Amino acid sequence: MKNIGLFIAGAAAGIVGGMGLGGGSLLIPILTGIFGIGQKSAQWINLIAFFPMSIFALAVHFRKHRVRLSYTAYIMIPACIFTAFGALSVKILSGKVLKRLFGLFLIASSAYNLKGALKSGKSVKDGNFIKD
């Protein structure tokens, strides 16, 4: 029964991740809260699952011309460099601290998205980005 639950969790994370909404934001709380997996293990499971999910999602978004490599380079270079710091922090910080930090991230992200959703009718005016 646990394997079926994990399969469903993976499917849900794949859908959310494929939309570019952060499948890990869904997968990690499911793994820790429902399945009782430790925070550090849940984060590693998420990283392993993220790799193939991102390849499939990126292929779809490339085909639909939704990827702007000129913007991506500005994000990707520092992200790759600072990923090492994030990975080292997992080694240093306890699972309890990581869980709290992740919870704070989810709260801040949710508040930001809710604020944006409440500003209905307003869209991005910058012609460099794809408008919804």
Protein backbone atom coordinates (compact mmCIF):
# COMPACT_ATOMS: atom_id res chain seq x y z
CA MET A 1 0.00 0.00 0.00
CA LYS A 2 2.90 2.34 0.79
CA ASN A 3 4.28 1.85 -2.73
CA ILE A 4 0.95 2.92 -4.24
CA GLY A 5 1.00 6.05 -2.08
CA LEU A 6 4.55 6.84 -3.15
CA PHE A 7 3.53 6.31 -6.79
CA ILE A 8 0.64 8.77 -6.39
CA ALA A 9 2.95 11.27 -4.64
CA GLY A 10 5.41 10.97 -7.52
CA ALA A 11 2.63 11.49 -10.05
CA ALA A 12 1.40 14.61 -8.24
CA ALA A 13 4.94 15.99 -7.97
CA GLY A 14 5.48 15.27 -11.66
CA ILE A 15 2.36 17.20 -12.66
CA VAL A 16 3.22 20.18 -10.46
CA GLY A 17 6.90 20.08 -11.46
CA GLY A 18 6.02 19.77 -15.14
CA MET A 19 4.07 23.00 -14.87
CA GLY A 20 7.17 24.65 -13.43
CA LEU A 21 5.58 25.14 -10.02
CA GLY A 22 8.12 23.20 -7.98
CA GLY A 23 7.23 19.56 -7.53
CA GLY A 24 9.50 19.44 -4.48
CA SER A 25 7.24 21.95 -2.73
CA LEU A 26 4.61 19.24 -2.87
CA LEU A 27 6.74 16.09 -2.68
CA ILE A 28 8.81 16.94 0.40
CA PRO A 29 5.82 17.66 2.69
CA ILE A 30 4.12 14.47 1.47
CA LEU A 31 7.22 12.36 2.15
CA THR A 32 7.81 13.85 5.60
CA GLY A 33 4.21 14.36 6.74
CA ILE A 34 2.39 11.36 5.31
CA PHE A 35 5.14 8.76 4.97
CA GLY A 36 7.24 9.79 7.99
CA ILE A 37 10.46 10.03 5.98
CA GLY A 38 13.12 12.26 7.56
CA GLN A 39 13.69 15.74 6.15
CA LYS A 40 17.18 15.03 4.81
CA SER A 41 16.07 11.80 3.14
CA ALA A 42 13.03 13.53 1.64
CA GLN A 43 15.25 16.24 0.19
CA TRP A 44 17.59 13.68 -1.40
CA ILE A 45 14.65 11.71 -2.80
CA ASN A 46 13.32 14.97 -4.25
CA LEU A 47 16.69 15.78 -5.85
CA ILE A 48 16.91 12.36 -7.45
CA ALA A 49 13.31 12.53 -8.70
CA PHE A 50 13.75 16.12 -9.92
CA PHE A 51 16.46 15.28 -12.46
CA PRO A 52 14.37 13.15 -14.87
CA MET A 53 11.24 15.26 -14.21
CA SER A 54 13.05 18.43 -15.24
CA ILE A 55 14.39 16.86 -18.44
CA PHE A 56 10.89 15.87 -19.60
CA ALA A 57 9.36 19.22 -18.59
CA LEU A 58 12.16 21.17 -20.25
CA ALA A 59 11.70 19.23 -23.50
CA VAL A 60 8.01 20.16 -23.58
CA HIS A 61 8.69 23.82 -22.79
CA PHE A 62 11.45 23.99 -25.45
CA ARG A 63 9.07 22.61 -28.07
CA LYS A 64 6.52 25.27 -27.17
CA HIS A 65 9.20 28.00 -27.34
CA ARG A 66 8.79 28.94 -23.68
CA VAL A 67 12.48 28.84 -22.77
CA ARG A 68 14.55 32.01 -23.13
CA LEU A 69 18.18 30.98 -22.79
CA SER A 70 19.39 34.59 -22.54
CA TYR A 71 17.56 34.98 -19.22
CA THR A 72 18.36 31.48 -18.07
CA ALA A 73 22.13 32.01 -18.17
CA TYR A 74 21.88 34.86 -15.65
CA ILE A 75 20.07 32.55 -13.26
CA MET A 76 21.85 29.29 -14.00
CA ILE A 77 25.44 30.42 -13.43
CA PRO A 78 25.01 31.71 -9.85
CA ALA A 79 22.53 28.92 -9.10
CA CYS A 80 25.13 26.29 -10.02
CA ILE A 81 27.79 28.01 -7.93
CA PHE A 82 25.60 28.45 -4.85
CA THR A 83 24.16 24.94 -5.10
CA ALA A 84 27.37 23.76 -3.46
CA PHE A 85 26.64 25.97 -0.44
CA GLY A 86 23.11 24.59 -0.22
CA ALA A 87 24.36 21.02 -0.41
CA LEU A 88 26.95 21.70 2.30
CA SER A 89 24.28 23.23 4.54
CA VAL A 90 22.38 19.94 4.46
CA LYS A 91 25.46 18.26 5.87
CA ILE A 92 25.84 20.88 8.62
CA LEU A 93 22.23 21.60 9.65
CA SER A 94 19.99 19.15 11.47
CA GLY A 95 16.88 17.72 9.85
CA LYS A 96 14.77 19.70 12.33
CA VAL A 97 16.34 23.02 11.28
CA LEU A 98 16.05 22.12 7.59
CA LYS A 99 12.38 21.27 8.06
CA ARG A 100 11.74 24.66 9.70
CA LEU A 101 13.63 26.52 6.97
CA PHE A 102 11.69 24.66 4.29
CA GLY A 103 8.43 25.47 6.09
CA LEU A 104 9.35 29.16 6.20
CA PHE A 105 10.17 29.02 2.49
CA LEU A 106 6.77 27.49 1.73
CA ILE A 107 4.97 30.11 3.83
CA ALA A 108 6.84 33.00 2.16
CA SER A 109 6.31 31.53 -1.30
CA SER A 110 2.62 30.96 -0.64
CA ALA A 111 2.16 34.52 0.68
CA TYR A 112 3.91 35.96 -2.37
CA ASN A 113 1.80 33.90 -4.78
CA LEU A 114 -1.41 34.72 -2.92
CA LYS A 115 -0.58 38.43 -3.07
CA GLY A 116 -0.05 38.13 -6.83
CA ALA A 117 -3.27 36.19 -7.30
CA LEU A 118 -5.25 38.84 -5.42
CA LYS A 119 -4.04 41.47 -7.87
CA SER A 120 -6.33 40.02 -10.53
CA GLY A 121 -6.34 41.57 -13.95
CA LYS A 122 -2.77 42.81 -13.78
CA SER A 123 -0.24 41.14 -16.05
CA VAL A 124 3.42 41.52 -16.90
CA LYS A 125 3.95 44.45 -19.27
CA ASP A 126 7.54 43.62 -20.16
CA GLY A 127 7.58 42.43 -23.77
CA ASN A 128 10.62 40.25 -23.10
CA PHE A 129 8.61 37.72 -21.15
CA ILE A 130 5.79 35.49 -22.30
CA LYS A 131 2.47 36.94 -21.20
CA ASP A 132 -0.23 34.73 -19.76
